[in-house]
Amino acid sequence: MFELLLPRRCVGCGAAGVTLCELCRCAWRSPPFRVYPRVDPRVPVFALGPWGGVHRATVIGLKERGRRDAIPEIGAVLGSAIRYLAARGDLSMDPGTVLSPAPTRRRSARLRGGDTVAAVCRESGFEVVPLVYLAPSTRDSAGLDAASRRSNLVGAVRRINRVGRSVDRVVLVDDVVTTGATAGVTVECLAVAGIQVTGVVVLTAA
């Protein structure tokens, strides 16, 4: 009955009857690739796809349109990509390394029903430990150039005081990398606390 009232459509292309159609799944199965943001976070950055087409539609669906039904599928893709990078020797996933979602405003996450990136990470098969958040006063970075984005974030990325366990090595995960400012400031914030970021993996690269 629910399917009749609110028919499922592919989050990537809108095809009827599925969460993610086979063509869109194929697009997400492409191997992750190295990207080089304008702001160098001083760790390798890898993307699962470009910001456009299926990848863009999926990320917008996840974050802005409440398509939480797609989280398990994209989480599985993320897990496979990380294992692929680790097997190639491109990304260090030594024992004890955990995934940590990039910082977001807590209020924004609540309005979306939870931190989307954290939810995707939890479906990857790896241990996930949130370590950072954005200060509530942080202004939106849309429209800012690389230098302005970085200035906006310095001091705004905060450590979560209680994480429930000792962490010293993490892979940072985000939905999109544009200038690299968020990754760079987060890497610095965690380094001050003695936590090494071994790499950054993003769903899309703009």
N, C-alpha and C. Protein backbone atom coordinates (compact mmCIF):
# COMPACT_ATOMS: atom_id res chain seq x y z
N MET A 1 0.82 -1.20 0.00
CA MET A 1 0.00 0.00 0.00
C MET A 1 0.87 1.26 0.00
N PHE A 2 1.92 1.25 0.85
CA PHE A 2 2.81 2.41 0.92
C PHE A 2 3.46 2.67 -0.44
N GLU A 3 3.85 1.56 -1.12
CA GLU A 3 4.48 1.69 -2.42
C GLU A 3 3.53 2.29 -3.45
N LEU A 4 2.23 2.00 -3.32
CA LEU A 4 1.25 2.57 -4.24
C LEU A 4 1.05 4.05 -3.99
N LEU A 5 1.06 4.45 -2.71
CA LEU A 5 0.85 5.86 -2.36
C LEU A 5 2.07 6.71 -2.67
N LEU A 6 3.25 6.18 -2.33
CA LEU A 6 4.50 6.91 -2.55
C LEU A 6 5.48 6.00 -3.27
N PRO A 7 5.34 5.87 -4.57
CA PRO A 7 6.18 4.93 -5.33
C PRO A 7 7.67 5.28 -5.19
N ARG A 8 8.48 4.25 -5.01
CA ARG A 8 9.92 4.46 -4.96
C ARG A 8 10.44 4.86 -6.32
N ARG A 9 11.43 5.74 -6.31
CA ARG A 9 12.11 6.10 -7.54
C ARG A 9 13.61 6.09 -7.29
N CYS A 10 14.35 5.76 -8.32
CA CYS A 10 15.81 5.70 -8.19
C CYS A 10 16.34 7.05 -7.76
N VAL A 11 17.16 7.05 -6.72
CA VAL A 11 17.71 8.30 -6.21
C VAL A 11 18.68 8.94 -7.20
N GLY A 12 19.20 8.14 -8.12
CA GLY A 12 20.17 8.67 -9.08
C GLY A 12 19.57 9.22 -10.35
N CYS A 13 18.46 8.58 -10.84
CA CYS A 13 17.91 9.01 -12.13
C CYS A 13 16.40 9.15 -12.15
N GLY A 14 15.72 8.69 -11.09
CA GLY A 14 14.28 8.81 -11.03
C GLY A 14 13.51 7.66 -11.63
N ALA A 15 14.20 6.59 -12.06
CA ALA A 15 13.51 5.43 -12.59
C ALA A 15 12.58 4.84 -11.53
N ALA A 16 11.43 4.38 -11.95
CA ALA A 16 10.42 3.91 -11.00
C ALA A 16 10.74 2.53 -10.44
N GLY A 17 10.35 2.34 -9.15
CA GLY A 17 10.32 1.02 -8.56
C GLY A 17 11.55 0.56 -7.81
N VAL A 18 12.62 1.37 -7.80
CA VAL A 18 13.85 0.93 -7.14
C VAL A 18 14.48 2.10 -6.37
N THR A 19 15.29 1.76 -5.39
CA THR A 19 16.05 2.78 -4.67
C THR A 19 17.22 3.28 -5.50
N LEU A 20 17.90 2.33 -6.17
CA LEU A 20 19.02 2.68 -7.04
C LEU A 20 19.00 1.67 -8.19
N CYS A 21 18.77 2.15 -9.40
CA CYS A 21 18.64 1.25 -10.55
C CYS A 21 20.00 0.68 -10.95
N GLU A 22 19.97 -0.32 -11.81
CA GLU A 22 21.21 -1.00 -12.19
C GLU A 22 22.18 -0.07 -12.90
N LEU A 23 21.67 0.83 -13.75
CA LEU A 23 22.56 1.76 -14.45
C LEU A 23 23.25 2.70 -13.46
N CYS A 24 22.50 3.16 -12.47
CA CYS A 24 23.09 4.06 -11.47
C CYS A 24 24.05 3.32 -10.56
N ARG A 25 23.74 2.06 -10.25
CA ARG A 25 24.67 1.25 -9.47
C ARG A 25 25.99 1.10 -10.22
N CYS A 26 25.90 0.89 -11.53
CA CYS A 26 27.12 0.77 -12.34
C CYS A 26 27.95 2.04 -12.26
N ALA A 27 27.28 3.19 -12.29
CA ALA A 27 28.01 4.46 -12.18
C ALA A 27 28.76 4.56 -10.86
N TRP A 28 28.13 4.08 -9.79
CA TRP A 28 28.76 4.14 -8.46
C TRP A 28 29.84 3.08 -8.29
N ARG A 29 29.88 2.07 -9.16
CA ARG A 29 30.87 1.01 -9.04
C ARG A 29 32.22 1.37 -9.64
N SER A 30 32.32 2.51 -10.30
CA SER A 30 33.61 2.91 -10.88
C SER A 30 34.66 3.01 -9.79
N PRO A 31 35.91 2.63 -10.06
CA PRO A 31 36.95 2.68 -9.03
C PRO A 31 37.15 4.10 -8.50
N PRO A 32 37.44 4.25 -7.22
CA PRO A 32 37.75 5.58 -6.68
C PRO A 32 39.02 6.13 -7.31
N PHE A 33 39.14 7.44 -7.36
CA PHE A 33 40.30 8.06 -8.00
C PHE A 33 40.86 9.17 -7.11
N ARG A 34 42.14 9.45 -7.29
CA ARG A 34 42.83 10.47 -6.51
C ARG A 34 42.43 11.86 -7.02
N VAL A 35 42.19 12.78 -6.10
CA VAL A 35 41.92 14.17 -6.47
C VAL A 35 42.89 15.08 -5.73
N TYR A 36 43.10 16.26 -6.29
CA TYR A 36 44.07 17.20 -5.73
C TYR A 36 43.40 18.55 -5.51
N PRO A 37 42.78 18.75 -4.35
CA PRO A 37 42.07 20.02 -4.09
C PRO A 37 43.02 21.21 -4.07
N ARG A 38 42.46 22.38 -4.27
CA ARG A 38 43.27 23.61 -4.25
C ARG A 38 43.90 23.84 -2.89
N VAL A 39 43.18 23.53 -1.82
CA VAL A 39 43.75 23.59 -0.47
C VAL A 39 44.25 22.18 -0.15
N ASP A 40 45.56 22.02 -0.07
CA ASP A 40 46.15 20.70 0.15
C ASP A 40 46.00 20.29 1.61
N PRO A 41 45.24 19.22 1.91
CA PRO A 41 45.11 18.79 3.31
C PRO A 41 46.31 18.01 3.81
N ARG A 42 47.29 17.80 2.94
CA ARG A 42 48.55 17.10 3.27
C ARG A 42 48.34 15.63 3.56
N VAL A 43 47.23 15.09 3.09
CA VAL A 43 46.98 13.64 3.08
C VAL A 43 46.30 13.34 1.75
N PRO A 44 46.39 12.10 1.26
CA PRO A 44 45.74 11.79 -0.02
C PRO A 44 44.22 11.90 0.07
N VAL A 45 43.63 12.37 -1.02
CA VAL A 45 42.18 12.53 -1.10
C VAL A 45 41.68 11.70 -2.28
N PHE A 46 40.65 10.89 -2.04
CA PHE A 46 40.09 10.03 -3.07
C PHE A 46 38.58 10.27 -3.17
N ALA A 47 38.08 10.22 -4.41
CA ALA A 47 36.64 10.41 -4.65
C ALA A 47 36.05 9.18 -5.31
N LEU A 48 34.78 8.90 -4.97
CA LEU A 48 34.08 7.78 -5.58
C LEU A 48 33.47 8.15 -6.92
N GLY A 49 33.35 9.45 -7.19
CA GLY A 49 32.79 9.88 -8.46
C GLY A 49 32.84 11.38 -8.59
N PRO A 50 32.56 11.91 -9.77
CA PRO A 50 32.55 13.36 -9.99
C PRO A 50 31.23 13.97 -9.52
N TRP A 51 31.25 15.26 -9.24
CA TRP A 51 30.05 15.98 -8.85
C TRP A 51 29.24 16.30 -10.10
N GLY A 52 28.33 15.43 -10.41
CA GLY A 52 27.51 15.60 -11.60
C GLY A 52 26.72 14.34 -11.85
N GLY A 53 25.68 14.44 -12.65
CA GLY A 53 24.91 13.29 -13.06
C GLY A 53 24.38 12.47 -11.90
N VAL A 54 24.59 11.16 -11.97
CA VAL A 54 24.09 10.22 -10.96
C VAL A 54 24.65 10.54 -9.59
N HIS A 55 25.92 10.85 -9.51
CA HIS A 55 26.56 11.08 -8.21
C HIS A 55 25.98 12.32 -7.53
N ARG A 56 25.82 13.38 -8.29
CA ARG A 56 25.25 14.60 -7.73
C ARG A 56 23.81 14.37 -7.27
N ALA A 57 23.02 13.73 -8.11
CA ALA A 57 21.62 13.48 -7.77
C ALA A 57 21.51 12.61 -6.51
N THR A 58 22.39 11.64 -6.38
CA THR A 58 22.35 10.75 -5.22
C THR A 58 22.68 11.51 -3.94
N VAL A 59 23.73 12.30 -3.98
CA VAL A 59 24.13 13.05 -2.78
C VAL A 59 23.05 14.04 -2.38
N ILE A 60 22.47 14.73 -3.34
CA ILE A 60 21.38 15.66 -3.03
C ILE A 60 20.18 14.90 -2.46
N GLY A 61 19.89 13.75 -3.04
CA GLY A 61 18.78 12.94 -2.52
C GLY A 61 19.02 12.52 -1.08
N LEU A 62 20.24 12.10 -0.79
CA LEU A 62 20.58 11.67 0.57
C LEU A 62 20.48 12.82 1.56
N LYS A 63 21.03 13.98 1.19
CA LYS A 63 21.16 15.08 2.15
C LYS A 63 19.94 15.99 2.21
N GLU A 64 19.33 16.26 1.06
CA GLU A 64 18.32 17.30 1.01
C GLU A 64 16.90 16.76 0.79
N ARG A 65 16.76 15.53 0.36
CA ARG A 65 15.43 15.03 0.01
C ARG A 65 15.01 13.82 0.83
N GLY A 66 15.73 13.57 1.90
CA GLY A 66 15.32 12.54 2.84
C GLY A 66 15.39 11.12 2.32
N ARG A 67 16.25 10.86 1.33
CA ARG A 67 16.32 9.51 0.75
C ARG A 67 17.24 8.61 1.58
N ARG A 68 16.85 8.41 2.81
CA ARG A 68 17.66 7.58 3.70
C ARG A 68 17.61 6.10 3.33
N ASP A 69 16.65 5.74 2.47
CA ASP A 69 16.60 4.36 1.99
C ASP A 69 17.81 4.00 1.15
N ALA A 70 18.49 5.02 0.61
CA ALA A 70 19.66 4.77 -0.24
C ALA A 70 20.96 4.67 0.57
N ILE A 71 20.89 4.97 1.86
CA ILE A 71 22.11 4.97 2.67
C ILE A 71 22.81 3.62 2.69
N PRO A 72 22.09 2.49 2.88
CA PRO A 72 22.80 1.20 2.88
C PRO A 72 23.54 0.93 1.57
N GLU A 73 22.94 1.30 0.44
CA GLU A 73 23.58 1.04 -0.85
C GLU A 73 24.85 1.88 -1.01
N ILE A 74 24.79 3.15 -0.66
CA ILE A 74 25.96 4.00 -0.81
C ILE A 74 27.01 3.65 0.25
N GLY A 75 26.56 3.24 1.43
CA GLY A 75 27.50 2.79 2.45
C GLY A 75 28.29 1.57 1.99
N ALA A 76 27.61 0.64 1.31
CA ALA A 76 28.30 -0.54 0.78
C ALA A 76 29.33 -0.15 -0.28
N VAL A 77 28.97 0.84 -1.11
CA VAL A 77 29.90 1.34 -2.12
C VAL A 77 31.13 1.96 -1.44
N LEU A 78 30.89 2.75 -0.40
CA LEU A 78 32.00 3.37 0.33
C LEU A 78 32.93 2.30 0.91
N GLY A 79 32.34 1.27 1.54
CA GLY A 79 33.16 0.22 2.12
C GLY A 79 34.00 -0.49 1.07
N SER A 80 33.40 -0.78 -0.08
CA SER A 80 34.14 -1.45 -1.16
C SER A 80 35.27 -0.58 -1.68
N ALA A 81 35.01 0.73 -1.79
CA ALA A 81 36.03 1.64 -2.29
C ALA A 81 37.22 1.72 -1.33
N ILE A 82 36.94 1.76 -0.03
CA ILE A 82 38.02 1.82 0.94
C ILE A 82 38.84 0.53 0.93
N ARG A 83 38.17 -0.60 0.82
CA ARG A 83 38.91 -1.87 0.74
C ARG A 83 39.77 -1.93 -0.52
N TYR A 84 39.24 -1.42 -1.62
CA TYR A 84 39.98 -1.38 -2.87
C TYR A 84 41.24 -0.51 -2.72
N LEU A 85 41.09 0.66 -2.13
CA LEU A 85 42.23 1.56 -1.95
C LEU A 85 43.26 0.94 -1.00
N ALA A 86 42.77 0.29 0.05
CA ALA A 86 43.68 -0.35 1.00
C ALA A 86 44.44 -1.49 0.35
N ALA A 87 43.74 -2.28 -0.48
CA ALA A 87 44.38 -3.42 -1.16
C ALA A 87 45.46 -2.94 -2.13
N ARG A 88 45.25 -1.79 -2.74
CA ARG A 88 46.24 -1.23 -3.67
C ARG A 88 47.41 -0.57 -2.94
N GLY A 89 47.26 -0.36 -1.65
CA GLY A 89 48.29 0.34 -0.90
C GLY A 89 48.18 1.84 -0.97
N ASP A 90 47.05 2.34 -1.49
CA ASP A 90 46.86 3.78 -1.63
C ASP A 90 46.35 4.43 -0.34
N LEU A 91 45.74 3.64 0.53
CA LEU A 91 45.13 4.17 1.74
C LEU A 91 45.46 3.23 2.90
N SER A 92 46.00 3.82 3.95
CA SER A 92 46.37 3.01 5.12
C SER A 92 45.13 2.70 5.96
N MET A 93 44.87 1.41 6.14
CA MET A 93 43.78 0.96 7.00
C MET A 93 44.32 -0.06 8.00
N ASP A 94 45.42 0.31 8.67
CA ASP A 94 46.01 -0.57 9.67
C ASP A 94 45.01 -0.85 10.79
N PRO A 95 45.20 -1.95 11.51
CA PRO A 95 44.31 -2.24 12.64
C PRO A 95 44.20 -1.05 13.59
N GLY A 96 43.00 -0.74 13.98
CA GLY A 96 42.77 0.41 14.85
C GLY A 96 42.34 1.66 14.11
N THR A 97 42.50 1.68 12.77
CA THR A 97 42.06 2.83 11.99
C THR A 97 40.54 2.81 11.87
N VAL A 98 39.91 3.95 12.11
CA VAL A 98 38.46 4.05 12.05
C VAL A 98 38.06 5.10 11.02
N LEU A 99 36.80 5.09 10.63
CA LEU A 99 36.25 6.15 9.79
C LEU A 99 35.68 7.24 10.68
N SER A 100 35.84 8.47 10.25
CA SER A 100 35.26 9.60 10.99
C SER A 100 34.62 10.56 10.00
N PRO A 101 33.33 10.88 10.17
CA PRO A 101 32.68 11.80 9.24
C PRO A 101 33.20 13.22 9.38
N ALA A 102 33.22 13.94 8.29
CA ALA A 102 33.64 15.34 8.29
C ALA A 102 32.71 16.16 9.17
N PRO A 103 33.18 17.29 9.67
CA PRO A 103 32.35 18.09 10.58
C PRO A 103 31.13 18.68 9.91
N THR A 104 30.05 18.74 10.66
CA THR A 104 28.82 19.38 10.19
C THR A 104 28.19 20.10 11.37
N ARG A 105 27.28 21.03 11.08
CA ARG A 105 26.57 21.70 12.17
C ARG A 105 25.57 20.70 12.77
N ARG A 106 25.55 20.63 14.08
CA ARG A 106 24.66 19.67 14.73
C ARG A 106 23.20 19.96 14.44
N ARG A 107 22.84 21.23 14.37
CA ARG A 107 21.45 21.58 14.08
C ARG A 107 21.07 21.14 12.67
N SER A 108 21.97 21.33 11.70
CA SER A 108 21.69 20.90 10.33
C SER A 108 21.49 19.40 10.26
N ALA A 109 22.32 18.67 11.01
CA ALA A 109 22.19 17.21 11.02
C ALA A 109 20.85 16.80 11.62
N ARG A 110 20.44 17.45 12.69
CA ARG A 110 19.16 17.11 13.31
C ARG A 110 18.00 17.35 12.35
N LEU A 111 18.05 18.47 11.61
CA LEU A 111 16.98 18.79 10.67
C LEU A 111 16.88 17.76 9.54
N ARG A 112 18.00 17.11 9.22
CA ARG A 112 18.01 16.09 8.17
C ARG A 112 17.69 14.71 8.70
N GLY A 113 17.44 14.62 10.00
CA GLY A 113 17.17 13.31 10.59
C GLY A 113 18.42 12.58 11.00
N GLY A 114 19.54 13.29 11.08
CA GLY A 114 20.82 12.70 11.47
C GLY A 114 21.90 13.07 10.48
N ASP A 115 23.14 12.86 10.87
CA ASP A 115 24.29 13.15 10.01
C ASP A 115 24.33 12.12 8.88
N THR A 116 24.07 12.56 7.67
CA THR A 116 24.00 11.64 6.53
C THR A 116 25.33 10.93 6.29
N VAL A 117 26.42 11.68 6.34
CA VAL A 117 27.73 11.07 6.08
C VAL A 117 28.05 10.03 7.15
N ALA A 118 27.73 10.33 8.40
CA ALA A 118 27.95 9.35 9.48
C ALA A 118 27.13 8.09 9.22
N ALA A 119 25.89 8.26 8.77
CA ALA A 119 25.02 7.11 8.50
C ALA A 119 25.58 6.26 7.37
N VAL A 120 26.10 6.90 6.32
CA VAL A 120 26.72 6.16 5.22
C VAL A 120 27.95 5.41 5.73
N CYS A 121 28.75 6.06 6.55
CA CYS A 121 29.94 5.41 7.11
C CYS A 121 29.57 4.15 7.89
N ARG A 122 28.49 4.23 8.66
CA ARG A 122 28.09 3.09 9.49
C ARG A 122 27.65 1.89 8.66
N GLU A 123 27.29 2.11 7.40
CA GLU A 123 26.89 1.01 6.52
C GLU A 123 28.07 0.46 5.72
N SER A 124 29.28 0.97 5.98
CA SER A 124 30.46 0.58 5.20
C SER A 124 31.10 -0.71 5.67
N GLY A 125 30.79 -1.12 6.90
CA GLY A 125 31.44 -2.30 7.47
C GLY A 125 32.65 -1.97 8.30
N PHE A 126 33.01 -0.69 8.39
CA PHE A 126 34.14 -0.26 9.21
C PHE A 126 33.64 0.41 10.49
N GLU A 127 34.49 0.42 11.50
CA GLU A 127 34.14 1.12 12.73
C GLU A 127 34.11 2.62 12.47
N VAL A 128 33.14 3.28 13.06
CA VAL A 128 32.95 4.72 12.84
C VAL A 128 32.99 5.43 14.18
N VAL A 129 33.81 6.50 14.27
CA VAL A 129 33.90 7.30 15.48
C VAL A 129 33.82 8.77 15.09
N PRO A 130 32.69 9.45 15.32
CA PRO A 130 32.63 10.89 15.07
C PRO A 130 33.55 11.63 16.01
N LEU A 131 34.37 12.53 15.45
CA LEU A 131 35.38 13.22 16.26
C LEU A 131 35.26 14.73 16.23
N VAL A 132 34.55 15.28 15.23
CA VAL A 132 34.53 16.73 15.05
C VAL A 132 33.12 17.20 14.68
N TYR A 133 32.90 18.48 14.92
CA TYR A 133 31.64 19.12 14.50
C TYR A 133 31.95 20.57 14.17
N LEU A 134 31.00 21.24 13.53
CA LEU A 134 31.16 22.66 13.20
C LEU A 134 30.47 23.52 14.25
N ALA A 135 31.12 24.57 14.65
CA ALA A 135 30.51 25.51 15.59
C ALA A 135 29.22 26.06 15.00
N PRO A 136 28.19 26.27 15.83
CA PRO A 136 26.89 26.74 15.33
C PRO A 136 26.97 28.06 14.55
N SER A 137 27.94 28.90 14.89
CA SER A 137 28.05 30.22 14.26
C SER A 137 28.74 30.19 12.90
N THR A 138 29.23 29.02 12.47
CA THR A 138 29.94 28.93 11.20
C THR A 138 29.02 29.31 10.05
N ARG A 139 29.45 30.24 9.22
CA ARG A 139 28.58 30.64 8.12
C ARG A 139 28.72 29.69 6.94
N ASP A 140 27.71 29.68 6.09
CA ASP A 140 27.70 28.81 4.93
C ASP A 140 28.85 29.18 4.00
N SER A 141 29.54 28.16 3.50
CA SER A 141 30.71 28.42 2.66
C SER A 141 30.38 28.53 1.18
N ALA A 142 29.11 28.33 0.81
CA ALA A 142 28.72 28.42 -0.60
C ALA A 142 29.08 29.79 -1.16
N GLY A 143 29.75 29.79 -2.30
CA GLY A 143 30.11 31.04 -2.95
C GLY A 143 31.45 31.61 -2.53
N LEU A 144 32.07 31.04 -1.51
CA LEU A 144 33.37 31.53 -1.04
C LEU A 144 34.50 30.88 -1.83
N ASP A 145 35.59 31.65 -2.04
CA ASP A 145 36.74 31.05 -2.70
C ASP A 145 37.53 30.21 -1.69
N ALA A 146 38.59 29.56 -2.14
CA ALA A 146 39.33 28.63 -1.30
C ALA A 146 39.88 29.30 -0.05
N ALA A 147 40.47 30.48 -0.21
CA ALA A 147 41.06 31.18 0.94
C ALA A 147 39.97 31.59 1.94
N SER A 148 38.85 32.07 1.43
CA SER A 148 37.75 32.49 2.31
C SER A 148 37.13 31.31 3.03
N ARG A 149 37.01 30.18 2.33
CA ARG A 149 36.48 28.97 2.97
C ARG A 149 37.38 28.55 4.13
N ARG A 150 38.66 28.58 3.90
CA ARG A 150 39.58 28.18 4.96
C ARG A 150 39.49 29.14 6.15
N SER A 151 39.48 30.44 5.87
CA SER A 151 39.37 31.43 6.96
C SER A 151 38.08 31.23 7.75
N ASN A 152 37.01 30.90 7.03
CA ASN A 152 35.72 30.69 7.67
C ASN A 152 35.73 29.49 8.62
N LEU A 153 36.58 28.51 8.32
CA LEU A 153 36.58 27.26 9.09
C LEU A 153 37.62 27.21 10.21
N VAL A 154 38.65 28.05 10.11
CA VAL A 154 39.67 28.04 11.15
C VAL A 154 39.04 28.41 12.49
N GLY A 155 39.15 27.55 13.46
CA GLY A 155 38.54 27.77 14.77
C GLY A 155 37.11 27.30 14.86
N ALA A 156 36.50 26.98 13.70
CA ALA A 156 35.09 26.56 13.69
C ALA A 156 34.96 25.04 13.77
N VAL A 157 36.02 24.32 13.38
CA VAL A 157 36.01 22.86 13.50
C VAL A 157 36.40 22.51 14.93
N ARG A 158 35.50 21.87 15.65
CA ARG A 158 35.70 21.59 17.07
C ARG A 158 35.79 20.08 17.32
N ARG A 159 36.59 19.70 18.31
CA ARG A 159 36.68 18.30 18.72
C ARG A 159 35.48 17.93 19.59
N ILE A 160 34.97 16.72 19.39
CA ILE A 160 33.98 16.16 20.30
C ILE A 160 34.73 15.63 21.51
N ASN A 161 34.37 16.10 22.69
CA ASN A 161 35.16 15.78 23.88
C ASN A 161 35.10 14.31 24.28
N ARG A 162 33.93 13.72 24.20
CA ARG A 162 33.79 12.33 24.62
C ARG A 162 33.44 11.46 23.42
N VAL A 163 34.35 10.59 23.05
CA VAL A 163 34.11 9.74 21.89
C VAL A 163 33.98 8.26 22.29
N GLY A 164 34.18 7.94 23.55
CA GLY A 164 33.93 6.59 24.03
C GLY A 164 35.08 5.62 23.88
N ARG A 165 36.13 6.01 23.16
CA ARG A 165 37.28 5.12 23.02
C ARG A 165 38.48 5.93 22.55
N SER A 166 39.67 5.35 22.69
CA SER A 166 40.90 6.02 22.26
C SER A 166 41.06 5.83 20.75
N VAL A 167 41.32 6.92 20.05
CA VAL A 167 41.49 6.89 18.60
C VAL A 167 42.78 7.62 18.26
N ASP A 168 43.61 7.00 17.41
CA ASP A 168 44.82 7.72 16.99
C ASP A 168 45.03 7.73 15.47
N ARG A 169 44.24 6.94 14.71
CA ARG A 169 44.35 6.94 13.26
C ARG A 169 42.95 6.88 12.64
N VAL A 170 42.68 7.80 11.72
CA VAL A 170 41.35 7.84 11.12
C VAL A 170 41.43 8.09 9.62
N VAL A 171 40.40 7.67 8.93
CA VAL A 171 40.14 8.10 7.55
C VAL A 171 38.94 9.03 7.62
N LEU A 172 39.11 10.24 7.12
CA LEU A 172 38.05 11.24 7.13
C LEU A 172 37.14 11.01 5.92
N VAL A 173 35.83 11.07 6.12
CA VAL A 173 34.87 10.82 5.05
C VAL A 173 33.94 12.02 4.92
N ASP A 174 33.70 12.46 3.68
CA ASP A 174 32.78 13.58 3.44
C ASP A 174 31.95 13.27 2.19
N ASP A 175 30.91 14.08 1.97
CA ASP A 175 30.07 13.85 0.80
C ASP A 175 30.66 14.45 -0.46
N VAL A 176 31.31 15.61 -0.34
CA VAL A 176 31.88 16.27 -1.52
C VAL A 176 33.10 17.07 -1.12
N VAL A 177 34.10 17.09 -1.99
CA VAL A 177 35.24 17.98 -1.82
C VAL A 177 35.19 19.01 -2.93
N THR A 178 35.34 20.27 -2.56
CA THR A 178 35.37 21.34 -3.56
C THR A 178 36.76 21.98 -3.54
N THR A 179 37.04 22.80 -2.54
CA THR A 179 38.37 23.42 -2.45
C THR A 179 39.33 22.62 -1.59
N GLY A 180 38.82 21.74 -0.73
CA GLY A 180 39.67 21.01 0.20
C GLY A 180 39.84 21.71 1.54
N ALA A 181 39.18 22.86 1.71
CA ALA A 181 39.35 23.64 2.94
C ALA A 181 38.86 22.88 4.17
N THR A 182 37.70 22.24 4.08
CA THR A 182 37.17 21.50 5.23
C THR A 182 38.11 20.37 5.63
N ALA A 183 38.59 19.62 4.65
CA ALA A 183 39.51 18.53 4.95
C ALA A 183 40.79 19.05 5.58
N GLY A 184 41.33 20.13 5.02
CA GLY A 184 42.58 20.67 5.54
C GLY A 184 42.49 21.13 6.98
N VAL A 185 41.45 21.89 7.30
CA VAL A 185 41.28 22.40 8.66
C VAL A 185 41.00 21.25 9.62
N THR A 186 40.24 20.26 9.18
CA THR A 186 39.93 19.11 10.05
C THR A 186 41.17 18.30 10.33
N VAL A 187 42.01 18.08 9.33
CA VAL A 187 43.27 17.36 9.53
C VAL A 187 44.12 18.08 10.57
N GLU A 188 44.18 19.40 10.48
CA GLU A 188 44.97 20.18 11.44
C GLU A 188 44.38 20.08 12.84
N CYS A 189 43.06 20.18 12.94
CA CYS A 189 42.38 20.11 14.23
C CYS A 189 42.67 18.77 14.93
N LEU A 190 42.60 17.69 14.17
CA LEU A 190 42.82 16.38 14.75
C LEU A 190 44.30 16.15 15.07
N ALA A 191 45.19 16.71 14.24
CA ALA A 191 46.62 16.57 14.50
C ALA A 191 47.01 17.19 15.84
N VAL A 192 46.39 18.32 16.17
CA VAL A 192 46.66 18.97 17.45
C VAL A 192 46.32 18.04 18.62
N ALA A 193 45.31 17.19 18.41
CA ALA A 193 44.88 16.24 19.45
C ALA A 193 45.65 14.92 19.38
N GLY A 194 46.64 14.86 18.49
CA GLY A 194 47.44 13.65 18.37
C GLY A 194 46.80 12.56 17.55
N ILE A 195 45.83 12.93 16.73
CA ILE A 195 45.13 11.95 15.89
C ILE A 195 45.59 12.13 14.44
N GLN A 196 46.07 11.06 13.84
CA GLN A 196 46.57 11.11 12.47
C GLN A 196 45.47 10.76 11.48
N VAL A 197 45.24 11.64 10.52
CA VAL A 197 44.34 11.34 9.41
C VAL A 197 45.18 10.72 8.30
N THR A 198 44.89 9.46 7.96
CA THR A 198 45.71 8.77 6.96
C THR A 198 45.23 9.05 5.53
N GLY A 199 44.02 9.57 5.39
CA GLY A 199 43.50 9.89 4.08
C GLY A 199 42.09 10.42 4.17
N VAL A 200 41.62 10.99 3.08
CA VAL A 200 40.26 11.52 2.99
C VAL A 200 39.57 10.80 1.84
N VAL A 201 38.36 10.30 2.09
CA VAL A 201 37.55 9.67 1.05
C VAL A 201 36.23 10.42 0.98
N VAL A 202 35.89 10.87 -0.23
CA VAL A 202 34.64 11.63 -0.43
C VAL A 202 33.77 10.91 -1.45
N LEU A 203 32.48 11.10 -1.33
CA LEU A 203 31.56 10.48 -2.29
C LEU A 203 31.72 11.12 -3.67
N THR A 204 31.92 12.44 -3.72
CA THR A 204 32.04 13.14 -4.99
C THR A 204 33.08 14.24 -4.92
N ALA A 205 33.63 14.59 -6.08
CA ALA A 205 34.59 15.69 -6.18
C ALA A 205 34.09 16.71 -7.17
N ALA A 206 33.96 17.97 -6.72
CA ALA A 206 33.47 19.03 -7.59
C ALA A 206 34.61 19.69 -8.34
